[in-house]
């Protein structure tokens, strides 16, 4: 059996999370009068990212829910003991600055067009299902994917093999018939390989030459989605 489906990561693969989040955060911090607390905008965004990584990891570990990690991010960033209502209101004001419809990477639609109907498409994300569903609909691409699975409903987060096997089960395909593409070499490409899928690292940021050389030895790597159809064709020939 050859490759019959492509399962996609969402953030920083299909959707420019890093760029969209930075723009929204800076608009929010300026509106809230918070930028003066930091040496400059980069320092403010860096602190925001540090807070996100700590509390989002707690969500993925099952230590808090999706709303709880948002509240804790607001409290940690501000250094204030906010009530749940206050933290929710602060985070809503931040989210009001998001423009998800503008976050779709320009190579996504051409790639999907070139791969359809030759491949089925699914989604697997370390996130909240309702949150990602709204984002995909705002970008106008939700109906391109037959399956959307997120860690909140699966009960496992990448890089756990159970997460990858769950999306294969949802598509009624064995792992060897599925390619998985994401922006992280570790929790996306390598973890998909370990679960029996064909992992592909989408290195949009452009790894350093040394890091890329080391990764290529073990991982399939592309720098943009225009290269994906050719890589899948090569994989199809090698798996016959």
C-alpha atoms as a PDB file:
ATOM      1  CA  UNK A   1       0.000   0.000   0.000  1.00  0.00           C
ATOM      2  CA  UNK A   2       1.372   3.413  -0.970  1.00  0.00           C
ATOM      3  CA  UNK A   3       0.806   6.757   0.729  1.00  0.00           C
ATOM      4  CA  UNK A   4      -2.887   7.570   0.588  1.00  0.00           C
ATOM      5  CA  UNK A   5      -3.222  10.523   2.957  1.00  0.00           C
ATOM      6  CA  UNK A   6      -1.380  13.582   4.188  1.00  0.00           C
ATOM      7  CA  UNK A   7      -1.997  14.640   7.769  1.00  0.00           C
ATOM      8  CA  UNK A   8      -1.035  18.188   8.562  1.00  0.00           C
ATOM      9  CA  UNK A   9       0.050  20.111  11.615  1.00  0.00           C
ATOM     10  CA  UNK A  10      -1.683  23.513  11.799  1.00  0.00           C
ATOM     11  CA  UNK A  11       0.299  26.211  13.603  1.00  0.00           C
ATOM     12  CA  UNK A  12       3.381  27.421  11.716  1.00  0.00           C
ATOM     13  CA  UNK A  13       2.632  24.794   9.055  1.00  0.00           C
ATOM     14  CA  UNK A  14      -0.646  25.948   7.526  1.00  0.00           C
ATOM     15  CA  UNK A  15      -1.144  29.014   9.700  1.00  0.00           C
ATOM     16  CA  UNK A  16       1.487  31.641  10.526  1.00  0.00           C
ATOM     17  CA  UNK A  17       1.032  31.423  14.278  1.00  0.00           C
ATOM     18  CA  UNK A  18       4.351  33.051  15.146  1.00  0.00           C
ATOM     19  CA  UNK A  19       3.841  36.091  12.935  1.00  0.00           C
ATOM     20  CA  UNK A  20       0.142  36.508  13.730  1.00  0.00           C
ATOM     21  CA  UNK A  21       0.713  36.153  17.461  1.00  0.00           C
ATOM     22  CA  UNK A  22       3.540  38.690  17.438  1.00  0.00           C
ATOM     23  CA  UNK A  23       1.464  41.279  15.591  1.00  0.00           C
ATOM     24  CA  UNK A  24      -1.577  40.754  17.809  1.00  0.00           C
ATOM     25  CA  UNK A  25       0.461  40.798  21.016  1.00  0.00           C
ATOM     26  CA  UNK A  26       2.187  44.060  20.125  1.00  0.00           C
ATOM     27  CA  UNK A  27      -1.112  45.728  19.219  1.00  0.00           C
ATOM     28  CA  UNK A  28      -2.574  44.517  22.500  1.00  0.00           C
ATOM     29  CA  UNK A  29       0.383  45.564  24.643  1.00  0.00           C
ATOM     30  CA  UNK A  30       0.346  49.013  23.101  1.00  0.00           C
ATOM     31  CA  UNK A  31      -3.403  49.390  23.656  1.00  0.00           C
ATOM     32  CA  UNK A  32      -2.991  48.286  27.279  1.00  0.00           C
ATOM     33  CA  UNK A  33      -0.050  50.612  27.913  1.00  0.00           C
ATOM     34  CA  UNK A  34       2.304  47.709  28.661  1.00  0.00           C
ATOM     35  CA  UNK A  35       5.194  48.290  26.268  1.00  0.00           C
ATOM     36  CA  UNK A  36       6.859  50.769  28.620  1.00  0.00           C
ATOM     37  CA  UNK A  37       7.532  47.904  31.039  1.00  0.00           C
ATOM     38  CA  UNK A  38      10.049  46.414  28.607  1.00  0.00           C
ATOM     39  CA  UNK A  39      13.276  47.596  26.965  1.00  0.00           C
ATOM     40  CA  UNK A  40      11.579  47.261  23.588  1.00  0.00           C
ATOM     41  CA  UNK A  41       8.937  45.386  21.573  1.00  0.00           C
ATOM     42  CA  UNK A  42      11.158  42.336  21.033  1.00  0.00           C
ATOM     43  CA  UNK A  43      11.640  41.948  24.778  1.00  0.00           C
ATOM     44  CA  UNK A  44       7.884  42.160  25.351  1.00  0.00           C
ATOM     45  CA  UNK A  45       7.166  39.497  22.727  1.00  0.00           C
ATOM     46  CA  UNK A  46       9.983  37.315  24.057  1.00  0.00           C
ATOM     47  CA  UNK A  47       8.471  37.408  27.553  1.00  0.00           C
ATOM     48  CA  UNK A  48       5.024  36.648  26.144  1.00  0.00           C
ATOM     49  CA  UNK A  49       6.407  33.623  24.309  1.00  0.00           C
ATOM     50  CA  UNK A  50       8.198  32.385  27.427  1.00  0.00           C
ATOM     51  CA  UNK A  51       4.965  32.567  29.412  1.00  0.00           C
ATOM     52  CA  UNK A  52       3.052  30.811  26.638  1.00  0.00           C
ATOM     53  CA  UNK A  53       5.529  27.947  26.431  1.00  0.00           C
ATOM     54  CA  UNK A  54       5.384  27.301  30.187  1.00  0.00           C
ATOM     55  CA  UNK A  55       1.619  27.305  30.541  1.00  0.00           C
ATOM     56  CA  UNK A  56       0.790  25.696  27.213  1.00  0.00           C
ATOM     57  CA  UNK A  57       3.041  22.807  28.212  1.00  0.00           C
ATOM     58  CA  UNK A  58       0.924  22.448  31.352  1.00  0.00           C
ATOM     59  CA  UNK A  59      -2.201  22.254  29.187  1.00  0.00           C
ATOM     60  CA  UNK A  60      -0.652  19.564  26.991  1.00  0.00           C
ATOM     61  CA  UNK A  61       0.378  17.618  30.097  1.00  0.00           C
ATOM     62  CA  UNK A  62      -3.211  17.675  31.366  1.00  0.00           C
ATOM     63  CA  UNK A  63      -2.403  19.901  34.350  1.00  0.00           C
ATOM     64  CA  UNK A  64      -4.894  22.578  33.306  1.00  0.00           C
ATOM     65  CA  UNK A  65      -7.531  23.089  30.638  1.00  0.00           C
ATOM     66  CA  UNK A  66      -7.375  25.370  27.611  1.00  0.00           C
ATOM     67  CA  UNK A  67      -9.106  28.273  29.349  1.00  0.00           C
ATOM     68  CA  UNK A  68      -6.934  27.787  32.421  1.00  0.00           C
ATOM     69  CA  UNK A  69      -3.667  28.086  30.521  1.00  0.00           C
ATOM     70  CA  UNK A  70      -4.931  31.318  28.963  1.00  0.00           C
ATOM     71  CA  UNK A  71      -5.722  32.766  32.385  1.00  0.00           C
ATOM     72  CA  UNK A  72      -2.356  31.722  33.762  1.00  0.00           C
ATOM     73  CA  UNK A  73      -0.570  33.299  30.801  1.00  0.00           C
ATOM     74  CA  UNK A  74      -2.313  36.619  31.476  1.00  0.00           C
ATOM     75  CA  UNK A  75      -1.453  36.462  35.198  1.00  0.00           C
ATOM     76  CA  UNK A  76       2.172  35.497  34.617  1.00  0.00           C
ATOM     77  CA  UNK A  77       2.762  38.112  31.940  1.00  0.00           C
ATOM     78  CA  UNK A  78       1.239  40.911  34.008  1.00  0.00           C
ATOM     79  CA  UNK A  79       2.618  39.652  37.316  1.00  0.00           C
ATOM     80  CA  UNK A  80      -0.788  40.264  38.871  1.00  0.00           C
ATOM     81  CA  UNK A  81      -3.245  38.126  40.830  1.00  0.00           C
ATOM     82  CA  UNK A  82      -6.192  38.389  38.483  1.00  0.00           C
ATOM     83  CA  UNK A  83      -9.529  36.725  39.093  1.00  0.00           C
ATOM     84  CA  UNK A  84     -10.714  34.282  36.456  1.00  0.00           C
ATOM     85  CA  UNK A  85     -13.087  36.926  35.089  1.00  0.00           C
ATOM     86  CA  UNK A  86     -10.340  39.552  34.943  1.00  0.00           C
ATOM     87  CA  UNK A  87      -7.895  37.168  33.257  1.00  0.00           C
ATOM     88  CA  UNK A  88     -10.548  36.073  30.759  1.00  0.00           C
ATOM     89  CA  UNK A  89     -11.358  39.696  29.911  1.00  0.00           C
ATOM     90  CA  UNK A  90      -7.667  40.555  29.421  1.00  0.00           C
ATOM     91  CA  UNK A  91      -7.164  37.560  27.147  1.00  0.00           C
ATOM     92  CA  UNK A  92     -10.292  38.397  25.136  1.00  0.00           C
ATOM     93  CA  UNK A  93      -8.904  41.870  24.510  1.00  0.00           C
ATOM     94  CA  UNK A  94      -5.684  40.285  23.275  1.00  0.00           C
ATOM     95  CA  UNK A  95      -7.568  37.861  21.009  1.00  0.00           C
ATOM     96  CA  UNK A  96      -9.547  40.765  19.542  1.00  0.00           C
ATOM     97  CA  UNK A  97      -6.296  41.854  17.873  1.00  0.00           C
ATOM     98  CA  UNK A  98      -5.893  38.515  16.074  1.00  0.00           C
ATOM     99  CA  UNK A  99      -6.531  38.366  12.345  1.00  0.00           C
ATOM    100  CA  UNK A 100      -6.552  34.635  11.567  1.00  0.00           C
ATOM    101  CA  UNK A 101      -7.929  35.119   8.063  1.00  0.00           C
ATOM    102  CA  UNK A 102      -4.643  36.808   7.157  1.00  0.00           C
ATOM    103  CA  UNK A 103      -2.486  34.049   8.636  1.00  0.00           C
ATOM    104  CA  UNK A 104      -2.749  31.400   5.921  1.00  0.00           C
ATOM    105  CA  UNK A 105       0.658  30.811   4.380  1.00  0.00           C
ATOM    106  CA  UNK A 106       0.557  31.619   0.635  1.00  0.00           C
ATOM    107  CA  UNK A 107       1.820  28.188  -0.413  1.00  0.00           C
ATOM    108  CA  UNK A 108      -0.978  26.272   1.342  1.00  0.00           C
ATOM    109  CA  UNK A 109      -3.772  26.526  -1.228  1.00  0.00           C
ATOM    110  CA  UNK A 110      -1.536  25.698  -4.214  1.00  0.00           C
ATOM    111  CA  UNK A 111      -0.184  22.666  -2.347  1.00  0.00           C
ATOM    112  CA  UNK A 112      -3.649  21.420  -1.420  1.00  0.00           C
ATOM    113  CA  UNK A 113      -4.824  21.912  -5.007  1.00  0.00           C
ATOM    114  CA  UNK A 114      -1.910  19.933  -6.402  1.00  0.00           C
ATOM    115  CA  UNK A 115      -2.383  17.085  -3.913  1.00  0.00           C
ATOM    116  CA  UNK A 116      -6.153  16.753  -4.285  1.00  0.00           C
ATOM    117  CA  UNK A 117      -7.773  14.358  -5.129  1.00  0.00           C
ATOM    118  CA  UNK A 118      -4.645  12.219  -5.228  1.00  0.00           C
ATOM    119  CA  UNK A 119      -4.368  12.237  -1.432  1.00  0.00           C
ATOM    120  CA  UNK A 120      -6.841  12.435   1.403  1.00  0.00           C
ATOM    121  CA  UNK A 121      -6.182  15.141   4.004  1.00  0.00           C
ATOM    122  CA  UNK A 122      -6.402  15.249   7.784  1.00  0.00           C
ATOM    123  CA  UNK A 123      -5.206  17.437  10.655  1.00  0.00           C
ATOM    124  CA  UNK A 124      -3.494  16.652  13.955  1.00  0.00           C
ATOM    125  CA  UNK A 125      -2.675  19.480  16.365  1.00  0.00           C
ATOM    126  CA  UNK A 126      -1.516  19.887  19.942  1.00  0.00           C
ATOM    127  CA  UNK A 127      -4.373  22.209  20.781  1.00  0.00           C
ATOM    128  CA  UNK A 128      -8.052  22.636  21.552  1.00  0.00           C
ATOM    129  CA  UNK A 129     -10.426  21.311  18.907  1.00  0.00           C
ATOM    130  CA  UNK A 130     -12.979  24.138  19.005  1.00  0.00           C
ATOM    131  CA  UNK A 131     -10.210  26.755  18.892  1.00  0.00           C
ATOM    132  CA  UNK A 132      -8.555  25.202  15.852  1.00  0.00           C
ATOM    133  CA  UNK A 133     -11.853  24.604  14.081  1.00  0.00           C
ATOM    134  CA  UNK A 134     -12.712  28.318  14.323  1.00  0.00           C
ATOM    135  CA  UNK A 135      -9.267  29.277  13.041  1.00  0.00           C
ATOM    136  CA  UNK A 136      -9.498  26.931  10.054  1.00  0.00           C
ATOM    137  CA  UNK A 137     -12.946  28.261   9.186  1.00  0.00           C
ATOM    138  CA  UNK A 138     -11.681  31.850   9.403  1.00  0.00           C
ATOM    139  CA  UNK A 139      -8.991  30.910   6.878  1.00  0.00           C
ATOM    140  CA  UNK A 140     -11.579  29.217   4.668  1.00  0.00           C
ATOM    141  CA  UNK A 141      -9.889  25.820   4.591  1.00  0.00           C
ATOM    142  CA  UNK A 142     -11.732  23.654   7.136  1.00  0.00           C
ATOM    143  CA  UNK A 143     -13.633  21.759   4.429  1.00  0.00           C
ATOM    144  CA  UNK A 144     -10.369  20.736   2.766  1.00  0.00           C
ATOM    145  CA  UNK A 145      -9.730  18.215   5.569  1.00  0.00           C
ATOM    146  CA  UNK A 146     -11.876  15.221   6.394  1.00  0.00           C
ATOM    147  CA  UNK A 147     -10.520  14.788   9.927  1.00  0.00           C
ATOM    148  CA  UNK A 148      -9.480  17.268  12.634  1.00  0.00           C
ATOM    149  CA  UNK A 149      -8.003  15.748  15.780  1.00  0.00           C
ATOM    150  CA  UNK A 150      -6.499  17.752  18.619  1.00  0.00           C
ATOM    151  CA  UNK A 151      -4.777  16.703  21.809  1.00  0.00           C
ATOM    152  CA  UNK A 152      -7.716  17.759  23.993  1.00  0.00           C
ATOM    153  CA  UNK A 153      -9.979  15.104  22.450  1.00  0.00           C
ATOM    154  CA  UNK A 154      -7.321  12.458  21.781  1.00  0.00           C
ATOM    155  CA  UNK A 155      -5.975  12.511  25.332  1.00  0.00           C
ATOM    156  CA  UNK A 156      -2.394  12.406  24.020  1.00  0.00           C
ATOM    157  CA  UNK A 157      -0.172  15.149  22.641  1.00  0.00           C
ATOM    158  CA  UNK A 158       2.569  14.865  20.066  1.00  0.00           C
ATOM    159  CA  UNK A 159       5.200  13.405  20.214  1.00  0.00           C
ATOM    160  CA  UNK A 160       3.291  10.516  21.805  1.00  0.00           C
ATOM    161  CA  UNK A 161       2.722   7.793  19.186  1.00  0.00           C
ATOM    162  CA  UNK A 162      -0.866   7.464  20.389  1.00  0.00           C
ATOM    163  CA  UNK A 163      -1.622  10.894  18.916  1.00  0.00           C
ATOM    164  CA  UNK A 164      -0.435   9.889  15.452  1.00  0.00           C
ATOM    165  CA  UNK A 165      -2.091   6.476  15.609  1.00  0.00           C
ATOM    166  CA  UNK A 166      -5.379   8.115  16.605  1.00  0.00           C
ATOM    167  CA  UNK A 167      -5.524  10.182  13.435  1.00  0.00           C
ATOM    168  CA  UNK A 168      -4.648   7.118  11.342  1.00  0.00           C
ATOM    169  CA  UNK A 169      -7.495   5.233  13.029  1.00  0.00           C
ATOM    170  CA  UNK A 170      -9.852   8.162  12.386  1.00  0.00           C
ATOM    171  CA  UNK A 171      -8.996   7.959   8.691  1.00  0.00           C
ATOM    172  CA  UNK A 172      -9.145   4.149   8.701  1.00  0.00           C
ATOM    173  CA  UNK A 173      -5.613   3.887   7.329  1.00  0.00           C
ATOM    174  CA  UNK A 174      -2.512   2.101   8.559  1.00  0.00           C
ATOM    175  CA  UNK A 175       0.378   4.375   9.584  1.00  0.00           C
ATOM    176  CA  UNK A 176       2.492   3.328   6.593  1.00  0.00           C
ATOM    177  CA  UNK A 177      -0.160   4.817   4.289  1.00  0.00           C
ATOM    178  CA  UNK A 178       0.025   8.260   5.929  1.00  0.00           C
ATOM    179  CA  UNK A 179       2.520  11.108   5.611  1.00  0.00           C
ATOM    180  CA  UNK A 180       2.630  13.690   8.404  1.00  0.00           C
ATOM    181  CA  UNK A 181       4.001  17.181   7.855  1.00  0.00           C
ATOM    182  CA  UNK A 182       4.806  19.756  10.517  1.00  0.00           C
ATOM    183  CA  UNK A 183       7.178  22.568  11.366  1.00  0.00           C
ATOM    184  CA  UNK A 184       8.947  20.804  14.238  1.00  0.00           C
ATOM    185  CA  UNK A 185      11.676  18.267  13.462  1.00  0.00           C
ATOM    186  CA  UNK A 186      11.266  16.584  16.852  1.00  0.00           C
ATOM    187  CA  UNK A 187       7.589  16.416  17.825  1.00  0.00           C
ATOM    188  CA  UNK A 188       6.334  16.367  14.233  1.00  0.00           C
ATOM    189  CA  UNK A 189       8.655  14.659  11.742  1.00  0.00           C
ATOM    190  CA  UNK A 190      10.740  12.416  13.998  1.00  0.00           C
ATOM    191  CA  UNK A 191       7.779  11.484  16.186  1.00  0.00           C
ATOM    192  CA  UNK A 192       5.642  10.624  13.155  1.00  0.00           C
ATOM    193  CA  UNK A 193       8.436   8.392  11.860  1.00  0.00           C
ATOM    194  CA  UNK A 194       8.657   6.686  15.251  1.00  0.00           C
ATOM    195  CA  UNK A 195       4.911   5.996  15.159  1.00  0.00           C
ATOM    196  CA  UNK A 196       5.225   4.324  11.750  1.00  0.00           C
ATOM    197  CA  UNK A 197       4.069   7.224   9.550  1.00  0.00           C
ATOM    198  CA  UNK A 198       6.217   9.066   7.023  1.00  0.00           C
ATOM    199  CA  UNK A 199       7.308  12.200   8.881  1.00  0.00           C
ATOM    200  CA  UNK A 200       8.180  15.365   6.946  1.00  0.00           C
ATOM    201  CA  UNK A 201       9.804  18.440   8.472  1.00  0.00           C
ATOM    202  CA  UNK A 202       8.596  21.729   6.976  1.00  0.00           C
ATOM    203  CA  UNK A 203      11.527  24.003   7.772  1.00  0.00           C
ATOM    204  CA  UNK A 204       9.959  27.346   6.895  1.00  0.00           C
ATOM    205  CA  UNK A 205      12.362  29.300   9.104  1.00  0.00           C
ATOM    206  CA  UNK A 206      15.442  27.842   7.425  1.00  0.00           C
ATOM    207  CA  UNK A 207      17.617  25.937   9.854  1.00  0.00           C
ATOM    208  CA  UNK A 208      21.304  26.748  10.029  1.00  0.00           C
ATOM    209  CA  UNK A 209      23.406  24.840   7.530  1.00  0.00           C
ATOM    210  CA  UNK A 210      24.903  22.619  10.231  1.00  0.00           C
ATOM    211  CA  UNK A 211      21.562  21.856  11.856  1.00  0.00           C
ATOM    212  CA  UNK A 212      19.919  21.187   8.516  1.00  0.00           C
ATOM    213  CA  UNK A 213      22.721  18.850   7.451  1.00  0.00           C
ATOM    214  CA  UNK A 214      22.368  16.875  10.678  1.00  0.00           C
ATOM    215  CA  UNK A 215      18.591  16.722  10.381  1.00  0.00           C
ATOM    216  CA  UNK A 216      18.580  15.668   6.744  1.00  0.00           C
ATOM    217  CA  UNK A 217      20.556  12.588   7.660  1.00  0.00           C
ATOM    218  CA  UNK A 218      17.583  11.321   9.654  1.00  0.00           C
ATOM    219  CA  UNK A 219      14.572  13.337   8.503  1.00  0.00           C
ATOM    220  CA  UNK A 220      12.793  14.276   5.309  1.00  0.00           C
ATOM    221  CA  UNK A 221      13.031  18.064   5.088  1.00  0.00           C
ATOM    222  CA  UNK A 222      11.467  20.649   2.793  1.00  0.00           C
ATOM    223  CA  UNK A 223      11.656  24.430   2.995  1.00  0.00           C
ATOM    224  CA  UNK A 224       8.236  25.127   1.473  1.00  0.00           C
ATOM    225  CA  UNK A 225       5.069  23.334   0.420  1.00  0.00           C
ATOM    226  CA  UNK A 226       5.894  23.657  -3.267  1.00  0.00           C
ATOM    227  CA  UNK A 227       8.368  20.819  -2.643  1.00  0.00           C
ATOM    228  CA  UNK A 228       5.792  18.523  -1.039  1.00  0.00           C
ATOM    229  CA  UNK A 229       4.232  16.909  -4.137  1.00  0.00           C
ATOM    230  CA  UNK A 230       7.642  15.867  -5.430  1.00  0.00           C
ATOM    231  CA  UNK A 231       8.679  14.433  -2.065  1.00  0.00           C
ATOM    232  CA  UNK A 232       5.446  12.464  -1.805  1.00  0.00           C
ATOM    233  CA  UNK A 233       5.972  11.117  -5.312  1.00  0.00           C
ATOM    234  CA  UNK A 234       9.480   9.997  -4.330  1.00  0.00           C
ATOM    235  CA  UNK A 235       8.090   8.342  -1.206  1.00  0.00           C
ATOM    236  CA  UNK A 236       5.426   6.577  -3.251  1.00  0.00           C
ATOM    237  CA  UNK A 237       8.089   5.081  -5.510  1.00  0.00           C
ATOM    238  CA  UNK A 238      10.231   3.995  -2.554  1.00  0.00           C
ATOM    239  CA  UNK A 239       7.317   2.321  -0.750  1.00  0.00           C
ATOM    240  CA  UNK A 240       6.111   0.212  -3.658  1.00  0.00           C
END
